[in-house]
Amino acid sequence: MENARFKQVKKTLMDAAILKIAFDERSPDDDQRIQEFRSIAESVELAVCQLTSQEQTLINSRYFNNEAMDTTDPEVYRAMGISAASYYKIRLKAFEKLAEHLHLGVDQIDDT
């Protein structure tokens, strides 16, 4: 996977995790912009559901748990009982699948 595409998937996951937390506290009568952001977060969650159980565990543990911003890769692979090398292979495969499911391409990359 291209480095820029990898970064876009990671950014999308982090954004979706932040949005999910924000939307859990919002009412169903949100304005249109909030609804659009909610749709993005839901798309990410649906894409994650398409992953294998091990990939889902990795993504959910790293990006969607209550302490996701403070959770590190080593904490996740130790909790999963796998080696660092296995973790990064699984993560790469999951990111590739997520990029495909979410239609994220290099042409959509914002390098800011």
C-alpha atoms as a PDB file:
ATOM      1  CA  MET A   1       0.000   0.000   0.000  1.00  0.00           C
ATOM      2  CA  GLU A   2       1.257   3.462  -0.836  1.00  0.00           C
ATOM      3  CA  ASN A   3       2.458   5.453   2.168  1.00  0.00           C
ATOM      4  CA  ALA A   4       0.013   8.310   1.429  1.00  0.00           C
ATOM      5  CA  ARG A   5      -2.931   5.890   1.180  1.00  0.00           C
ATOM      6  CA  PHE A   6      -1.887   4.248   4.461  1.00  0.00           C
ATOM      7  CA  LYS A   7      -1.818   7.665   6.148  1.00  0.00           C
ATOM      8  CA  GLN A   8      -5.270   8.505   4.739  1.00  0.00           C
ATOM      9  CA  VAL A   9      -6.779   5.298   6.163  1.00  0.00           C
ATOM     10  CA  LYS A  10      -5.201   5.962   9.550  1.00  0.00           C
ATOM     11  CA  LYS A  11      -6.467   9.559   9.544  1.00  0.00           C
ATOM     12  CA  THR A  12      -9.951   8.402   8.552  1.00  0.00           C
ATOM     13  CA  LEU A  13     -10.012   5.884  11.407  1.00  0.00           C
ATOM     14  CA  MET A  14      -8.906   8.509  13.926  1.00  0.00           C
ATOM     15  CA  ASP A  15     -11.461  11.012  12.608  1.00  0.00           C
ATOM     16  CA  ALA A  16     -14.231   8.422  12.780  1.00  0.00           C
ATOM     17  CA  ALA A  17     -13.319   7.536  16.357  1.00  0.00           C
ATOM     18  CA  ILE A  18     -13.447  11.200  17.362  1.00  0.00           C
ATOM     19  CA  LEU A  19     -16.722  11.702  15.506  1.00  0.00           C
ATOM     20  CA  LYS A  20     -18.262   8.638  17.148  1.00  0.00           C
ATOM     21  CA  ILE A  21     -17.507  10.036  20.592  1.00  0.00           C
ATOM     22  CA  ALA A  22     -18.908  13.445  19.624  1.00  0.00           C
ATOM     23  CA  PHE A  23     -22.056  11.989  18.110  1.00  0.00           C
ATOM     24  CA  ASP A  24     -22.811   9.771  21.074  1.00  0.00           C
ATOM     25  CA  GLU A  25     -23.500  13.007  22.936  1.00  0.00           C
ATOM     26  CA  ARG A  26     -25.643  14.650  20.230  1.00  0.00           C
ATOM     27  CA  SER A  27     -29.391  14.560  19.704  1.00  0.00           C
ATOM     28  CA  PRO A  28     -31.076  13.059  16.627  1.00  0.00           C
ATOM     29  CA  ASP A  29     -32.053  16.615  15.549  1.00  0.00           C
ATOM     30  CA  ASP A  30     -28.512  17.594  14.468  1.00  0.00           C
ATOM     31  CA  ASP A  31     -28.002  19.913  11.536  1.00  0.00           C
ATOM     32  CA  GLN A  32     -27.095  18.643   8.057  1.00  0.00           C
ATOM     33  CA  ARG A  33     -23.320  18.971   8.520  1.00  0.00           C
ATOM     34  CA  ILE A  34     -23.428  16.838  11.648  1.00  0.00           C
ATOM     35  CA  GLN A  35     -25.507  14.271   9.750  1.00  0.00           C
ATOM     36  CA  GLU A  36     -22.854  14.154   7.028  1.00  0.00           C
ATOM     37  CA  PHE A  37     -20.130  13.566   9.598  1.00  0.00           C
ATOM     38  CA  ARG A  38     -22.263  10.890  11.240  1.00  0.00           C
ATOM     39  CA  SER A  39     -22.609   9.211   7.846  1.00  0.00           C
ATOM     40  CA  ILE A  40     -18.814   9.128   7.477  1.00  0.00           C
ATOM     41  CA  ALA A  41     -18.401   7.581  10.919  1.00  0.00           C
ATOM     42  CA  GLU A  42     -21.063   4.987  10.143  1.00  0.00           C
ATOM     43  CA  SER A  43     -19.385   4.157   6.812  1.00  0.00           C
ATOM     44  CA  VAL A  44     -16.136   3.494   8.643  1.00  0.00           C
ATOM     45  CA  GLU A  45     -17.907   1.276  11.178  1.00  0.00           C
ATOM     46  CA  LEU A  46     -19.579  -0.704   8.370  1.00  0.00           C
ATOM     47  CA  ALA A  47     -16.235  -1.103   6.589  1.00  0.00           C
ATOM     48  CA  VAL A  48     -14.640  -2.388   9.804  1.00  0.00           C
ATOM     49  CA  CYS A  49     -17.419  -4.999  10.030  1.00  0.00           C
ATOM     50  CA  GLN A  50     -16.212  -6.389   6.686  1.00  0.00           C
ATOM     51  CA  LEU A  51     -12.804  -7.261   8.147  1.00  0.00           C
ATOM     52  CA  THR A  52     -11.768 -10.595   9.640  1.00  0.00           C
ATOM     53  CA  SER A  53     -12.329 -10.973  13.378  1.00  0.00           C
ATOM     54  CA  GLN A  54      -8.619 -10.493  14.076  1.00  0.00           C
ATOM     55  CA  GLU A  55      -8.489  -7.364  11.927  1.00  0.00           C
ATOM     56  CA  GLN A  56     -11.620  -6.033  13.639  1.00  0.00           C
ATOM     57  CA  THR A  57     -10.104  -6.648  17.061  1.00  0.00           C
ATOM     58  CA  LEU A  58      -6.969  -4.783  16.068  1.00  0.00           C
ATOM     59  CA  ILE A  59      -8.823  -1.779  14.576  1.00  0.00           C
ATOM     60  CA  ASN A  60     -11.382  -1.576  17.374  1.00  0.00           C
ATOM     61  CA  SER A  61      -8.750  -1.931  20.098  1.00  0.00           C
ATOM     62  CA  ARG A  62      -6.426   0.625  18.550  1.00  0.00           C
ATOM     63  CA  TYR A  63      -8.862   3.221  17.220  1.00  0.00           C
ATOM     64  CA  PHE A  64     -12.330   2.744  18.735  1.00  0.00           C
ATOM     65  CA  ASN A  65     -11.887   1.966  22.421  1.00  0.00           C
ATOM     66  CA  ASN A  66     -12.563   4.597  25.076  1.00  0.00           C
ATOM     67  CA  GLU A  67      -8.838   5.284  25.488  1.00  0.00           C
ATOM     68  CA  ALA A  68      -7.964   5.069  21.772  1.00  0.00           C
ATOM     69  CA  MET A  69      -6.039   8.325  21.747  1.00  0.00           C
ATOM     70  CA  ASP A  70      -3.762   6.986  24.482  1.00  0.00           C
ATOM     71  CA  THR A  71      -3.542   3.390  23.225  1.00  0.00           C
ATOM     72  CA  THR A  72      -0.302   2.406  21.509  1.00  0.00           C
ATOM     73  CA  ASP A  73       0.399  -0.290  18.945  1.00  0.00           C
ATOM     74  CA  PRO A  74       2.568  -2.285  21.404  1.00  0.00           C
ATOM     75  CA  GLU A  75      -0.254  -2.300  23.961  1.00  0.00           C
ATOM     76  CA  VAL A  76      -2.636  -3.706  21.370  1.00  0.00           C
ATOM     77  CA  TYR A  77      -0.364  -6.445  20.027  1.00  0.00           C
ATOM     78  CA  ARG A  78       0.568  -7.535  23.539  1.00  0.00           C
ATOM     79  CA  ALA A  79      -3.132  -7.658  24.504  1.00  0.00           C
ATOM     80  CA  MET A  80      -3.846  -9.671  21.354  1.00  0.00           C
ATOM     81  CA  GLY A  81      -1.005 -12.049  22.192  1.00  0.00           C
ATOM     82  CA  ILE A  82       0.747 -11.617  18.851  1.00  0.00           C
ATOM     83  CA  SER A  83       4.192 -10.444  17.784  1.00  0.00           C
ATOM     84  CA  ALA A  84       4.882  -6.940  16.547  1.00  0.00           C
ATOM     85  CA  ALA A  85       5.591  -8.296  13.068  1.00  0.00           C
ATOM     86  CA  SER A  86       2.256 -10.130  12.959  1.00  0.00           C
ATOM     87  CA  TYR A  87       0.440  -7.059  14.254  1.00  0.00           C
ATOM     88  CA  TYR A  88       1.843  -4.803  11.536  1.00  0.00           C
ATOM     89  CA  LYS A  89       1.058  -7.368   8.803  1.00  0.00           C
ATOM     90  CA  ILE A  90      -2.535  -7.674  10.046  1.00  0.00           C
ATOM     91  CA  ARG A  91      -2.860  -3.886  10.330  1.00  0.00           C
ATOM     92  CA  LEU A  92      -1.542  -3.359   6.797  1.00  0.00           C
ATOM     93  CA  LYS A  93      -4.007  -5.904   5.399  1.00  0.00           C
ATOM     94  CA  ALA A  94      -6.858  -4.299   7.362  1.00  0.00           C
ATOM     95  CA  PHE A  95      -5.883  -0.827   6.133  1.00  0.00           C
ATOM     96  CA  GLU A  96      -5.767  -2.079   2.531  1.00  0.00           C
ATOM     97  CA  LYS A  97      -9.276  -3.514   2.883  1.00  0.00           C
ATOM     98  CA  LEU A  98     -10.566  -0.354   4.574  1.00  0.00           C
ATOM     99  CA  ALA A  99      -9.089   1.835   1.832  1.00  0.00           C
ATOM    100  CA  GLU A 100     -10.913  -0.260  -0.736  1.00  0.00           C
ATOM    101  CA  HIS A 101     -14.233  -0.346   1.177  1.00  0.00           C
ATOM    102  CA  LEU A 102     -14.096   3.397   1.842  1.00  0.00           C
ATOM    103  CA  HIS A 103     -12.909   4.225  -1.690  1.00  0.00           C
ATOM    104  CA  LEU A 104      -9.834   6.019  -0.385  1.00  0.00           C
ATOM    105  CA  GLY A 105      -7.244   6.588  -3.055  1.00  0.00           C
ATOM    106  CA  VAL A 106      -4.040   8.491  -3.388  1.00  0.00           C
ATOM    107  CA  ASP A 107      -5.877  11.105  -5.472  1.00  0.00           C
ATOM    108  CA  GLN A 108      -7.933  11.975  -2.353  1.00  0.00           C
ATOM    109  CA  ILE A 109      -4.917  12.602  -0.153  1.00  0.00           C
ATOM    110  CA  ASP A 110      -4.523  15.958   1.561  1.00  0.00           C
ATOM    111  CA  ASP A 111      -0.895  16.296   2.666  1.00  0.00           C
ATOM    112  CA  THR A 112      -1.630  19.026   5.201  1.00  0.00           C
END
